[in-house]
Full PDB file with SEQRES, HELIX, SHEET, SSBOND, CRYST1, ORIGX, SCALE, CONECT and MASTER records, all heavy atoms in Angstrom:
SEQRES   1 A   44  ALA VAL THR SER HIS THR THR ARG ASP THR GLU ASP LEU          
SEQRES   2 A   44  PHE GLY SER GLY ALA ASP ILE VAL LEU GLU PRO PHE GLN          
SEQRES   3 A   44  ASP ALA ALA ASP ARG ALA VAL GLU LEU LEU SER GLY ALA          
SEQRES   4 A   44  PRO GLU GLU GLU ARG                                          
HELIX    1 AA1 THR A    7  GLY A   15  1                                   9    
HELIX    2 AA2 PRO A   24  SER A   37  1                                  14    
HELIX    3 AA3 GLU A   41  GLU A   43  5                                   3    
SHEET    1 AA1 2 VAL A   2  THR A   3  0                                        
SHEET    2 AA1 2 VAL A  21  LEU A  22  1                                        
CRYST1    1.000    1.000    1.000  90.00  90.00  90.00 P 1           1          
ORIGX1      1.000000  0.000000  0.000000        0.00000                         
ORIGX2      0.000000  1.000000  0.000000        0.00000                         
ORIGX3      0.000000  0.000000  1.000000        0.00000                         
SCALE1      1.000000  0.000000  0.000000        0.00000                         
SCALE2      0.000000  1.000000  0.000000        0.00000                         
SCALE3      0.000000  0.000000  1.000000        0.00000                         
ATOM      1  N   ALA A   1      64.844 -51.622  20.805  1.00  0.00           N  
ATOM      2  CA  ALA A   1      63.950 -51.016  21.797  1.00  0.00           C  
ATOM      3  C   ALA A   1      64.487 -49.774  22.361  1.00  0.00           C  
ATOM      4  O   ALA A   1      65.670 -49.733  22.657  1.00  0.00           O  
ATOM      5  CB  ALA A   1      63.660 -52.057  22.879  1.00  0.00           C  
ATOM      6  N   VAL A   2      63.645 -48.722  22.384  1.00  0.00           N  
ATOM      7  CA  VAL A   2      64.120 -47.358  22.886  1.00  0.00           C  
ATOM      8  C   VAL A   2      63.068 -46.821  23.824  1.00  0.00           C  
ATOM      9  O   VAL A   2      61.930 -47.335  23.726  1.00  0.00           O  
ATOM     10  CB  VAL A   2      64.308 -46.387  21.634  1.00  0.00           C  
ATOM     11  CG1 VAL A   2      65.459 -46.803  20.803  1.00  0.00           C  
ATOM     12  CG2 VAL A   2      63.075 -46.163  20.911  1.00  0.00           C  
ATOM     13  N   THR A   3      63.469 -45.931  24.659  1.00  0.00           N  
ATOM     14  CA  THR A   3      62.495 -45.366  25.669  1.00  0.00           C  
ATOM     15  C   THR A   3      61.921 -44.049  25.106  1.00  0.00           C  
ATOM     16  O   THR A   3      62.640 -43.350  24.364  1.00  0.00           O  
ATOM     17  CB  THR A   3      63.202 -44.966  26.953  1.00  0.00           C  
ATOM     18  OG1 THR A   3      64.371 -44.173  26.726  1.00  0.00           O  
ATOM     19  CG2 THR A   3      63.781 -46.327  27.623  1.00  0.00           C  
ATOM     20  N   SER A   4      60.776 -43.805  25.482  1.00  0.00           N  
ATOM     21  CA  SER A   4      59.996 -42.579  25.072  1.00  0.00           C  
ATOM     22  C   SER A   4      59.129 -42.040  26.365  1.00  0.00           C  
ATOM     23  O   SER A   4      58.667 -42.852  27.146  1.00  0.00           O  
ATOM     24  CB  SER A   4      59.087 -42.779  23.969  1.00  0.00           C  
ATOM     25  OG  SER A   4      58.278 -41.701  23.710  1.00  0.00           O  
ATOM     26  N   HIS A   5      58.997 -40.776  26.404  1.00  0.00           N  
ATOM     27  CA  HIS A   5      58.125 -40.217  27.484  1.00  0.00           C  
ATOM     28  C   HIS A   5      56.898 -39.465  26.936  1.00  0.00           C  
ATOM     29  O   HIS A   5      56.140 -38.930  27.642  1.00  0.00           O  
ATOM     30  CB  HIS A   5      58.960 -39.345  28.323  1.00  0.00           C  
ATOM     31  CG  HIS A   5      60.026 -40.039  29.050  1.00  0.00           C  
ATOM     32  ND1 HIS A   5      59.864 -41.027  29.840  1.00  0.00           N  
ATOM     33  CD2 HIS A   5      61.403 -39.851  29.041  1.00  0.00           C  
ATOM     34  CE1 HIS A   5      61.004 -41.538  30.403  1.00  0.00           C  
ATOM     35  NE2 HIS A   5      61.954 -40.763  29.933  1.00  0.00           N  
ATOM     36  N   THR A   6      56.831 -39.303  25.585  1.00  0.00           N  
ATOM     37  CA  THR A   6      55.655 -38.674  25.034  1.00  0.00           C  
ATOM     38  C   THR A   6      55.047 -39.427  23.852  1.00  0.00           C  
ATOM     39  O   THR A   6      55.841 -40.233  23.276  1.00  0.00           O  
ATOM     40  CB  THR A   6      56.014 -37.244  24.531  1.00  0.00           C  
ATOM     41  OG1 THR A   6      56.975 -37.436  23.456  1.00  0.00           O  
ATOM     42  CG2 THR A   6      56.754 -36.386  25.614  1.00  0.00           C  
ATOM     43  N   THR A   7      53.793 -39.227  23.576  1.00  0.00           N  
ATOM     44  CA  THR A   7      53.189 -39.973  22.451  1.00  0.00           C  
ATOM     45  C   THR A   7      53.805 -39.527  21.129  1.00  0.00           C  
ATOM     46  O   THR A   7      54.084 -40.403  20.157  1.00  0.00           O  
ATOM     47  CB  THR A   7      51.687 -39.623  22.451  1.00  0.00           C  
ATOM     48  OG1 THR A   7      51.055 -40.013  23.681  1.00  0.00           O  
ATOM     49  CG2 THR A   7      50.920 -40.393  21.294  1.00  0.00           C  
ATOM     50  N   ARG A   8      54.072 -38.258  21.012  1.00  0.00           N  
ATOM     51  CA  ARG A   8      54.781 -37.770  19.857  1.00  0.00           C  
ATOM     52  C   ARG A   8      56.036 -38.504  19.566  1.00  0.00           C  
ATOM     53  O   ARG A   8      56.426 -38.879  18.359  1.00  0.00           O  
ATOM     54  CB  ARG A   8      54.959 -36.292  19.800  1.00  0.00           C  
ATOM     55  CG  ARG A   8      55.460 -35.743  18.501  1.00  0.00           C  
ATOM     56  CD  ARG A   8      55.594 -34.256  18.562  1.00  0.00           C  
ATOM     57  NE  ARG A   8      56.141 -33.672  17.304  1.00  0.00           N  
ATOM     58  CZ  ARG A   8      56.330 -32.344  17.160  1.00  0.00           C  
ATOM     59  NH1 ARG A   8      55.966 -31.451  18.119  1.00  0.00           N  
ATOM     60  NH2 ARG A   8      56.894 -31.831  16.000  1.00  0.00           N  
ATOM     61  N   ASP A   9      56.885 -38.583  20.577  1.00  0.00           N  
ATOM     62  CA  ASP A   9      58.179 -39.252  20.343  1.00  0.00           C  
ATOM     63  C   ASP A   9      57.984 -40.798  19.998  1.00  0.00           C  
ATOM     64  O   ASP A   9      58.694 -41.172  19.280  1.00  0.00           O  
ATOM     65  CB  ASP A   9      58.952 -39.262  21.772  1.00  0.00           C  
ATOM     66  CG  ASP A   9      59.836 -37.975  21.922  1.00  0.00           C  
ATOM     67  OD1 ASP A   9      59.892 -37.169  20.876  1.00  0.00           O  
ATOM     68  OD2 ASP A   9      60.569 -37.851  22.890  1.00  0.00           O  
ATOM     69  N   THR A  10      56.985 -41.384  20.611  1.00  0.00           N  
ATOM     70  CA  THR A  10      56.735 -42.818  20.283  1.00  0.00           C  
ATOM     71  C   THR A  10      56.434 -42.964  18.758  1.00  0.00           C  
ATOM     72  O   THR A  10      56.998 -43.808  18.101  1.00  0.00           O  
ATOM     73  CB  THR A  10      55.583 -43.330  21.086  1.00  0.00           C  
ATOM     74  OG1 THR A  10      55.829 -43.185  22.453  1.00  0.00           O  
ATOM     75  CG2 THR A  10      55.236 -44.825  20.774  1.00  0.00           C  
ATOM     76  N   GLU A  11      55.649 -42.102  18.255  1.00  0.00           N  
ATOM     77  CA  GLU A  11      55.356 -42.072  16.878  1.00  0.00           C  
ATOM     78  C   GLU A  11      56.556 -41.936  15.978  1.00  0.00           C  
ATOM     79  O   GLU A  11      56.793 -42.583  14.913  1.00  0.00           O  
ATOM     80  CB  GLU A  11      54.243 -41.171  16.478  1.00  0.00           C  
ATOM     81  CG  GLU A  11      52.814 -41.397  17.220  1.00  0.00           C  
ATOM     82  CD  GLU A  11      51.836 -40.334  16.978  1.00  0.00           C  
ATOM     83  OE1 GLU A  11      52.287 -39.309  16.460  1.00  0.00           O  
ATOM     84  OE2 GLU A  11      50.725 -40.443  17.389  1.00  0.00           O  
ATOM     85  N   ASP A  12      57.330 -40.864  16.380  1.00  0.00           N  
ATOM     86  CA  ASP A  12      58.576 -40.553  15.621  1.00  0.00           C  
ATOM     87  C   ASP A  12      59.574 -41.633  15.697  1.00  0.00           C  
ATOM     88  O   ASP A  12      60.334 -41.989  14.618  1.00  0.00           O  
ATOM     89  CB  ASP A  12      59.142 -39.290  16.145  1.00  0.00           C  
ATOM     90  CG  ASP A  12      58.315 -38.070  15.860  1.00  0.00           C  
ATOM     91  OD1 ASP A  12      57.435 -38.070  15.016  1.00  0.00           O  
ATOM     92  OD2 ASP A  12      58.595 -37.088  16.546  1.00  0.00           O  
ATOM     93  N   LEU A  13      59.718 -42.334  16.819  1.00  0.00           N  
ATOM     94  CA  LEU A  13      60.647 -43.404  16.899  1.00  0.00           C  
ATOM     95  C   LEU A  13      60.334 -44.640  16.176  1.00  0.00           C  
ATOM     96  O   LEU A  13      61.073 -45.318  15.492  1.00  0.00           O  
ATOM     97  CB  LEU A  13      60.753 -43.770  18.400  1.00  0.00           C  
ATOM     98  CG  LEU A  13      61.595 -42.766  19.280  1.00  0.00           C  
ATOM     99  CD1 LEU A  13      61.430 -43.031  20.742  1.00  0.00           C  
ATOM    100  CD2 LEU A  13      63.058 -42.699  18.907  1.00  0.00           C  
ATOM    101  N   PHE A  14      58.963 -44.873  16.028  1.00  0.00           N  
ATOM    102  CA  PHE A  14      58.532 -46.052  15.218  1.00  0.00           C  
ATOM    103  C   PHE A  14      58.753 -45.701  13.694  1.00  0.00           C  
ATOM    104  O   PHE A  14      59.342 -46.562  13.008  1.00  0.00           O  
ATOM    105  CB  PHE A  14      57.052 -46.278  15.326  1.00  0.00           C  
ATOM    106  CG  PHE A  14      56.646 -47.198  16.614  1.00  0.00           C  
ATOM    107  CD1 PHE A  14      55.697 -46.787  17.323  1.00  0.00           C  
ATOM    108  CD2 PHE A  14      57.413 -48.311  16.814  1.00  0.00           C  
ATOM    109  CE1 PHE A  14      55.351 -47.604  18.435  1.00  0.00           C  
ATOM    110  CE2 PHE A  14      57.077 -49.074  17.892  1.00  0.00           C  
ATOM    111  CZ  PHE A  14      56.068 -48.769  18.780  1.00  0.00           C  
ATOM    112  N   GLY A  15      58.678 -44.409  13.354  1.00  0.00           N  
ATOM    113  CA  GLY A  15      58.945 -43.981  12.063  1.00  0.00           C  
ATOM    114  C   GLY A  15      60.459 -44.019  11.701  1.00  0.00           C  
ATOM    115  O   GLY A  15      60.852 -44.148  10.555  1.00  0.00           O  
ATOM    116  N   SER A  16      61.313 -43.953  12.823  1.00  0.00           N  
ATOM    117  CA  SER A  16      62.727 -44.033  12.621  1.00  0.00           C  
ATOM    118  C   SER A  16      63.279 -45.438  12.466  1.00  0.00           C  
ATOM    119  O   SER A  16      64.501 -45.663  12.240  1.00  0.00           O  
ATOM    120  CB  SER A  16      63.441 -43.275  13.776  1.00  0.00           C  
ATOM    121  OG  SER A  16      63.066 -41.833  13.658  1.00  0.00           O  
ATOM    122  N   GLY A  17      62.377 -46.459  12.785  1.00  0.00           N  
ATOM    123  CA  GLY A  17      62.862 -47.819  12.699  1.00  0.00           C  
ATOM    124  C   GLY A  17      62.898 -48.587  14.076  1.00  0.00           C  
ATOM    125  O   GLY A  17      63.459 -49.683  14.056  1.00  0.00           O  
ATOM    126  N   ALA A  18      62.410 -48.073  15.057  1.00  0.00           N  
ATOM    127  CA  ALA A  18      62.361 -48.789  16.305  1.00  0.00           C  
ATOM    128  C   ALA A  18      61.290 -49.932  16.219  1.00  0.00           C  
ATOM    129  O   ALA A  18      60.314 -49.711  15.667  1.00  0.00           O  
ATOM    130  CB  ALA A  18      61.955 -47.882  17.434  1.00  0.00           C  
ATOM    131  N   ASP A  19      61.589 -51.028  16.881  1.00  0.00           N  
ATOM    132  CA  ASP A  19      60.742 -52.178  16.943  1.00  0.00           C  
ATOM    133  C   ASP A  19      59.765 -52.116  18.082  1.00  0.00           C  
ATOM    134  O   ASP A  19      58.547 -52.475  17.996  1.00  0.00           O  
ATOM    135  CB  ASP A  19      61.491 -53.463  16.981  1.00  0.00           C  
ATOM    136  CG  ASP A  19      62.313 -53.715  15.626  1.00  0.00           C  
ATOM    137  OD1 ASP A  19      61.630 -53.874  14.576  1.00  0.00           O  
ATOM    138  OD2 ASP A  19      63.445 -53.582  15.720  1.00  0.00           O  
ATOM    139  N   ILE A  20      60.371 -51.676  19.259  1.00  0.00           N  
ATOM    140  CA  ILE A  20      59.509 -51.520  20.475  1.00  0.00           C  
ATOM    141  C   ILE A  20      59.919 -50.175  21.166  1.00  0.00           C  
ATOM    142  O   ILE A  20      61.074 -49.811  21.226  1.00  0.00           O  
ATOM    143  CB  ILE A  20      59.936 -52.754  21.476  1.00  0.00           C  
ATOM    144  CG1 ILE A  20      59.222 -54.026  21.000  1.00  0.00           C  
ATOM    145  CG2 ILE A  20      59.197 -52.347  22.825  1.00  0.00           C  
ATOM    146  CD1 ILE A  20      59.287 -55.133  21.892  1.00  0.00           C  
ATOM    147  N   VAL A  21      58.943 -49.518  21.697  1.00  0.00           N  
ATOM    148  CA  VAL A  21      59.108 -48.296  22.353  1.00  0.00           C  
ATOM    149  C   VAL A  21      58.702 -48.494  23.782  1.00  0.00           C  
ATOM    150  O   VAL A  21      57.526 -48.751  24.044  1.00  0.00           O  
ATOM    151  CB  VAL A  21      58.360 -47.042  21.656  1.00  0.00           C  
ATOM    152  CG1 VAL A  21      58.602 -45.768  22.568  1.00  0.00           C  
ATOM    153  CG2 VAL A  21      58.819 -46.821  20.273  1.00  0.00           C  
ATOM    154  N   LEU A  22      59.641 -48.392  24.721  1.00  0.00           N  
ATOM    155  CA  LEU A  22      59.343 -48.502  26.106  1.00  0.00           C  
ATOM    156  C   LEU A  22      58.907 -47.137  26.652  1.00  0.00           C  
ATOM    157  O   LEU A  22      59.501 -46.131  26.412  1.00  0.00           O  
ATOM    158  CB  LEU A  22      60.626 -49.001  26.877  1.00  0.00           C  
ATOM    159  CG  LEU A  22      61.341 -50.261  26.291  1.00  0.00           C  
ATOM    160  CD1 LEU A  22      62.765 -50.564  27.045  1.00  0.00           C  
ATOM    161  CD2 LEU A  22      60.455 -51.423  26.508  1.00  0.00           C  
ATOM    162  N   GLU A  23      57.895 -47.244  27.463  1.00  0.00           N  
ATOM    163  CA  GLU A  23      57.386 -46.032  28.121  1.00  0.00           C  
ATOM    164  C   GLU A  23      57.431 -46.197  29.679  1.00  0.00           C  
ATOM    165  O   GLU A  23      56.406 -46.692  30.249  1.00  0.00           O  
ATOM    166  CB  GLU A  23      55.979 -45.628  27.661  1.00  0.00           C  
ATOM    167  CG  GLU A  23      55.924 -45.495  26.214  1.00  0.00           C  
ATOM    168  CD  GLU A  23      54.466 -45.192  25.628  1.00  0.00           C  
ATOM    169  OE1 GLU A  23      53.533 -45.987  25.978  1.00  0.00           O  
ATOM    170  OE2 GLU A  23      54.329 -44.203  24.933  1.00  0.00           O  
ATOM    171  N   PRO A  24      58.516 -45.953  30.364  1.00  0.00           N  
ATOM    172  CA  PRO A  24      58.661 -46.290  31.789  1.00  0.00           C  
ATOM    173  C   PRO A  24      57.586 -45.680  32.626  1.00  0.00           C  
ATOM    174  O   PRO A  24      57.110 -46.512  33.574  1.00  0.00           O  
ATOM    175  CB  PRO A  24      60.067 -45.706  32.053  1.00  0.00           C  
ATOM    176  CG  PRO A  24      60.731 -45.501  30.739  1.00  0.00           C  
ATOM    177  CD  PRO A  24      59.702 -45.273  29.643  1.00  0.00           C  
ATOM    178  N   PHE A  25      57.176 -44.482  32.467  1.00  0.00           N  
ATOM    179  CA  PHE A  25      56.293 -43.932  33.431  1.00  0.00           C  
ATOM    180  C   PHE A  25      54.795 -44.530  33.172  1.00  0.00           C  
ATOM    181  O   PHE A  25      54.096 -44.864  34.225  1.00  0.00           O  
ATOM    182  CB  PHE A  25      56.183 -42.468  33.273  1.00  0.00           C  
ATOM    183  CG  PHE A  25      57.448 -41.729  33.596  1.00  0.00           C  
ATOM    184  CD1 PHE A  25      58.114 -40.997  32.622  1.00  0.00           C  
ATOM    185  CD2 PHE A  25      57.940 -41.874  34.895  1.00  0.00           C  
ATOM    186  CE1 PHE A  25      59.363 -40.267  33.019  1.00  0.00           C  
ATOM    187  CE2 PHE A  25      59.159 -41.101  35.207  1.00  0.00           C  
ATOM    188  CZ  PHE A  25      59.775 -40.417  34.291  1.00  0.00           C  
ATOM    189  N   GLN A  26      54.475 -44.847  32.023  1.00  0.00           N  
ATOM    190  CA  GLN A  26      53.264 -45.386  31.729  1.00  0.00           C  
ATOM    191  C   GLN A  26      53.168 -46.817  32.232  1.00  0.00           C  
ATOM    192  O   GLN A  26      52.161 -47.291  32.674  1.00  0.00           O  
ATOM    193  CB  GLN A  26      52.872 -45.342  30.212  1.00  0.00           C  
ATOM    194  CG  GLN A  26      52.884 -43.906  29.591  1.00  0.00           C  
ATOM    195  CD  GLN A  26      51.887 -42.996  30.243  1.00  0.00           C  
ATOM    196  OE1 GLN A  26      50.807 -43.531  30.979  1.00  0.00           O  
ATOM    197  NE2 GLN A  26      51.934 -41.659  29.946  1.00  0.00           N  
ATOM    198  N   ASP A  27      54.288 -47.607  31.974  1.00  0.00           N  
ATOM    199  CA  ASP A  27      54.341 -48.948  32.362  1.00  0.00           C  
ATOM    200  C   ASP A  27      54.249 -49.033  33.937  1.00  0.00           C  
ATOM    201  O   ASP A  27      53.578 -49.814  34.434  1.00  0.00           O  
ATOM    202  CB  ASP A  27      55.653 -49.599  31.920  1.00  0.00           C  
ATOM    203  CG  ASP A  27      55.632 -49.797  30.438  1.00  0.00           C  
ATOM    204  OD1 ASP A  27      54.611 -49.699  29.728  1.00  0.00           O  
ATOM    205  OD2 ASP A  27      56.686 -50.085  29.820  1.00  0.00           O  
ATOM    206  N   ALA A  28      54.959 -48.110  34.606  1.00  0.00           N  
ATOM    207  CA  ALA A  28      54.979 -48.167  36.057  1.00  0.00           C  
ATOM    208  C   ALA A  28      53.537 -47.700  36.529  1.00  0.00           C  
ATOM    209  O   ALA A  28      53.087 -48.380  37.410  1.00  0.00           O  
ATOM    210  CB  ALA A  28      55.967 -47.148  36.577  1.00  0.00           C  
ATOM    211  N   ALA A  29      52.797 -46.933  35.852  1.00  0.00           N  
ATOM    212  CA  ALA A  29      51.462 -46.454  36.258  1.00  0.00           C  
ATOM    213  C   ALA A  29      50.530 -47.735  36.114  1.00  0.00           C  
ATOM    214  O   ALA A  29      49.691 -47.999  36.913  1.00  0.00           O  
ATOM    215  CB  ALA A  29      50.970 -45.311  35.423  1.00  0.00           C  
ATOM    216  N   ASP A  30      50.652 -48.439  35.028  1.00  0.00           N  
ATOM    217  CA  ASP A  30      49.886 -49.694  34.689  1.00  0.00           C  
ATOM    218  C   ASP A  30      50.111 -50.748  35.725  1.00  0.00           C  
ATOM    219  O   ASP A  30      49.274 -51.337  36.394  1.00  0.00           O  
ATOM    220  CB  ASP A  30      50.125 -50.252  33.411  1.00  0.00           C  
ATOM    221  CG  ASP A  30      49.519 -49.418  32.255  1.00  0.00           C  
ATOM    222  OD1 ASP A  30      48.642 -48.626  32.559  1.00  0.00           O  
ATOM    223  OD2 ASP A  30      49.918 -49.699  31.074  1.00  0.00           O  
ATOM    224  N   ARG A  31      51.394 -50.919  36.158  1.00  0.00           N  
ATOM    225  CA  ARG A  31      51.740 -51.808  37.155  1.00  0.00           C  
ATOM    226  C   ARG A  31      51.213 -51.428  38.533  1.00  0.00           C  
ATOM    227  O   ARG A  31      50.706 -52.189  39.317  1.00  0.00           O  
ATOM    228  CB  ARG A  31      53.255 -52.000  37.237  1.00  0.00           C  
ATOM    229  CG  ARG A  31      53.718 -53.010  38.293  1.00  0.00           C  
ATOM    230  CD  ARG A  31      53.177 -54.313  38.172  1.00  0.00           C  
ATOM    231  NE  ARG A  31      53.767 -55.299  39.113  1.00  0.00           N  
ATOM    232  CZ  ARG A  31      53.220 -56.513  39.373  1.00  0.00           C  
ATOM    233  NH1 ARG A  31      51.997 -56.890  38.823  1.00  0.00           N  
ATOM    234  NH2 ARG A  31      53.674 -57.291  40.309  1.00  0.00           N  
ATOM    235  N   ALA A  32      51.260 -50.039  38.903  1.00  0.00           N  
ATOM    236  CA  ALA A  32      50.735 -49.532  40.058  1.00  0.00           C  
ATOM    237  C   ALA A  32      49.221 -49.863  40.182  1.00  0.00           C  
ATOM    238  O   ALA A  32      48.732 -50.296  41.225  1.00  0.00           O  
ATOM    239  CB  ALA A  32      51.080 -48.151  40.297  1.00  0.00           C  
ATOM    240  N   VAL A  33      48.541 -49.549  39.097  1.00  0.00           N  
ATOM    241  CA  VAL A  33      47.099 -49.814  39.101  1.00  0.00           C  
ATOM    242  C   VAL A  33      46.716 -51.260  39.380  1.00  0.00           C  
ATOM    243  O   VAL A  33      45.844 -51.561  40.009  1.00  0.00           O  
ATOM    244  CB  VAL A  33      46.491 -49.308  37.703  1.00  0.00           C  
ATOM    245  CG1 VAL A  33      45.028 -49.655  37.643  1.00  0.00           C  
ATOM    246  CG2 VAL A  33      46.540 -47.742  37.702  1.00  0.00           C  
ATOM    247  N   GLU A  34      47.522 -52.125  38.663  1.00  0.00           N  
ATOM    248  CA  GLU A  34      47.355 -53.583  38.779  1.00  0.00           C  
ATOM    249  C   GLU A  34      47.543 -54.029  40.296  1.00  0.00           C  
ATOM    250  O   GLU A  34      46.713 -54.747  40.778  1.00  0.00           O  
ATOM    251  CB  GLU A  34      48.338 -54.402  37.982  1.00  0.00           C  
ATOM    252  CG  GLU A  34      48.236 -55.891  38.022  1.00  0.00           C  
ATOM    253  CD  GLU A  34      49.326 -56.485  37.234  1.00  0.00           C  
ATOM    254  OE1 GLU A  34      49.957 -55.915  36.407  1.00  0.00           O  
ATOM    255  OE2 GLU A  34      49.518 -57.737  37.444  1.00  0.00           O  
ATOM    256  N   LEU A  35      48.547 -53.479  40.935  1.00  0.00           N  
ATOM    257  CA  LEU A  35      48.844 -53.924  42.299  1.00  0.00           C  
ATOM    258  C   LEU A  35      47.614 -53.269  43.214  1.00  0.00           C  
ATOM    259  O   LEU A  35      47.273 -53.891  44.228  1.00  0.00           O  
ATOM    260  CB  LEU A  35      50.113 -53.345  42.794  1.00  0.00           C  
ATOM    261  CG  LEU A  35      51.318 -54.004  42.139  1.00  0.00           C  
ATOM    262  CD1 LEU A  35      52.590 -53.373  42.560  1.00  0.00           C  
ATOM    263  CD2 LEU A  35      51.426 -55.433  42.455  1.00  0.00           C  
ATOM    264  N   LEU A  36      47.237 -52.017  42.983  1.00  0.00           N  
ATOM    265  CA  LEU A  36      46.294 -51.361  43.834  1.00  0.00           C  
ATOM    266  C   LEU A  36      44.872 -51.904  43.673  1.00  0.00           C  
ATOM    267  O   LEU A  36      44.131 -52.037  44.673  1.00  0.00           O  
ATOM    268  CB  LEU A  36      46.277 -49.893  43.537  1.00  0.00           C  
ATOM    269  CG  LEU A  36      47.519 -48.991  43.882  1.00  0.00           C  
ATOM    270  CD1 LEU A  36      47.402 -47.654  43.456  1.00  0.00           C  
ATOM    271  CD2 LEU A  36      47.746 -49.086  45.421  1.00  0.00           C  
ATOM    272  N   SER A  37      44.549 -52.319  42.463  1.00  0.00           N  
ATOM    273  CA  SER A  37      43.278 -52.823  42.166  1.00  0.00           C  
ATOM    274  C   SER A  37      43.021 -54.368  42.603  1.00  0.00           C  
ATOM    275  O   SER A  37      42.005 -54.890  42.816  1.00  0.00           O  
ATOM    276  CB  SER A  37      42.857 -52.588  40.766  1.00  0.00           C  
ATOM    277  OG  SER A  37      43.686 -53.344  39.939  1.00  0.00           O  
ATOM    278  N   GLY A  38      44.257 -54.977  42.516  1.00  0.00           N  
ATOM    279  CA  GLY A  38      44.272 -56.383  42.809  1.00  0.00           C  
ATOM    280  C   GLY A  38      43.546 -57.268  41.738  1.00  0.00           C  
ATOM    281  O   GLY A  38      43.369 -58.462  41.865  1.00  0.00           O  
ATOM    282  N   ALA A  39      43.339 -56.600  40.567  1.00  0.00           N  
ATOM    283  CA  ALA A  39      42.627 -57.339  39.435  1.00  0.00           C  
ATOM    284  C   ALA A  39      43.715 -58.083  38.555  1.00  0.00           C  
ATOM    285  O   ALA A  39      44.789 -57.562  38.210  1.00  0.00           O  
ATOM    286  CB  ALA A  39      41.963 -56.332  38.485  1.00  0.00           C  
ATOM    287  N   PRO A  40      43.406 -59.335  38.250  1.00  0.00           N  
ATOM    288  CA  PRO A  40      44.215 -60.110  37.396  1.00  0.00           C  
ATOM    289  C   PRO A  40      44.295 -59.414  36.025  1.00  0.00           C  
ATOM    290  O   PRO A  40      43.492 -58.592  35.655  1.00  0.00           O  
ATOM    291  CB  PRO A  40      43.574 -61.394  37.243  1.00  0.00           C  
ATOM    292  CG  PRO A  40      42.673 -61.513  38.421  1.00  0.00           C  
ATOM    293  CD  PRO A  40      42.254 -60.059  38.724  1.00  0.00           C  
ATOM    294  N   GLU A  41      45.407 -59.716  35.231  1.00  0.00           N  
ATOM    295  CA  GLU A  41      45.640 -59.140  33.967  1.00  0.00           C  
ATOM    296  C   GLU A  41      44.472 -59.192  33.036  1.00  0.00           C  
ATOM    297  O   GLU A  41      43.967 -58.373  32.365  1.00  0.00           O  
ATOM    298  CB  GLU A  41      46.838 -59.724  33.347  1.00  0.00           C  
ATOM    299  CG  GLU A  41      47.316 -59.189  32.040  1.00  0.00           C  
ATOM    300  CD  GLU A  41      47.922 -57.776  32.087  1.00  0.00           C  
ATOM    301  OE1 GLU A  41      48.331 -57.498  33.285  1.00  0.00           O  
ATOM    302  OE2 GLU A  41      47.943 -57.031  31.211  1.00  0.00           O  
ATOM    303  N   GLU A  42      43.691 -60.460  33.047  1.00  0.00           N  
ATOM    304  CA  GLU A  42      42.713 -60.667  32.077  1.00  0.00           C  
ATOM    305  C   GLU A  42      41.574 -59.976  32.429  1.00  0.00           C  
ATOM    306  O   GLU A  42      40.544 -59.728  31.628  1.00  0.00           O  
ATOM    307  CB  GLU A  42      42.352 -62.216  32.013  1.00  0.00           C  
ATOM    308  CG  GLU A  42      41.984 -62.846  33.313  1.00  0.00           C  
ATOM    309  CD  GLU A  42      43.201 -63.422  34.101  1.00  0.00           C  
ATOM    310  OE1 GLU A  42      44.313 -62.944  33.735  1.00  0.00           O  
ATOM    311  OE2 GLU A  42      43.076 -64.147  35.153  1.00  0.00           O  
ATOM    312  N   GLU A  43      41.251 -59.528  33.685  1.00  0.00           N  
ATOM    313  CA  GLU A  43      40.044 -58.767  34.132  1.00  0.00           C  
ATOM    314  C   GLU A  43      40.131 -57.236  33.806  1.00  0.00           C  
ATOM    315  O   GLU A  43      39.269 -56.599  34.157  1.00  0.00           O  
ATOM    316  CB  GLU A  43      39.879 -59.035  35.603  1.00  0.00           C  
ATOM    317  CG  GLU A  43      39.480 -60.587  35.905  1.00  0.00           C  
ATOM    318  CD  GLU A  43      39.168 -60.636  37.375  1.00  0.00           C  
ATOM    319  OE1 GLU A  43      39.075 -59.622  38.122  1.00  0.00           O  
ATOM    320  OE2 GLU A  43      39.107 -61.780  37.847  1.00  0.00           O  
ATOM    321  N   ARG A  44      41.313 -56.730  33.245  1.00  0.00           N  
ATOM    322  CA  ARG A  44      41.584 -55.362  33.192  1.00  0.00           C  
ATOM    323  C   ARG A  44      41.540 -54.918  31.701  1.00  0.00           C  
ATOM    324  O   ARG A  44      42.176 -53.988  31.361  1.00  0.00           O  
ATOM    325  CB  ARG A  44      42.836 -54.892  33.810  1.00  0.00           C  
ATOM    326  CG  ARG A  44      42.902 -55.181  35.274  1.00  0.00           C  
ATOM    327  CD  ARG A  44      44.151 -54.581  35.971  1.00  0.00           C  
ATOM    328  NE  ARG A  44      45.324 -55.146  35.381  1.00  0.00           N  
ATOM    329  CZ  ARG A  44      46.220 -54.538  34.583  1.00  0.00           C  
ATOM    330  NH1 ARG A  44      45.871 -53.305  34.260  1.00  0.00           N  
ATOM    331  NH2 ARG A  44      47.238 -55.056  34.086  1.00  0.00           N  
TER     332      ARG A  44                                                      
MASTER        0    0    0    3    2    0    0    6  331    1    0    4          
END                                                                             
């Protein structure tokens, strides 16, 4: 698993052999939206 901050990097890293690409800022934004909206995971 490796970290990435751009979509282009994500594609290149998969091409280089990464199994999972972590996107910290996007993950944090998703979690923030989840907390702010109060919507359960299955409703989003």
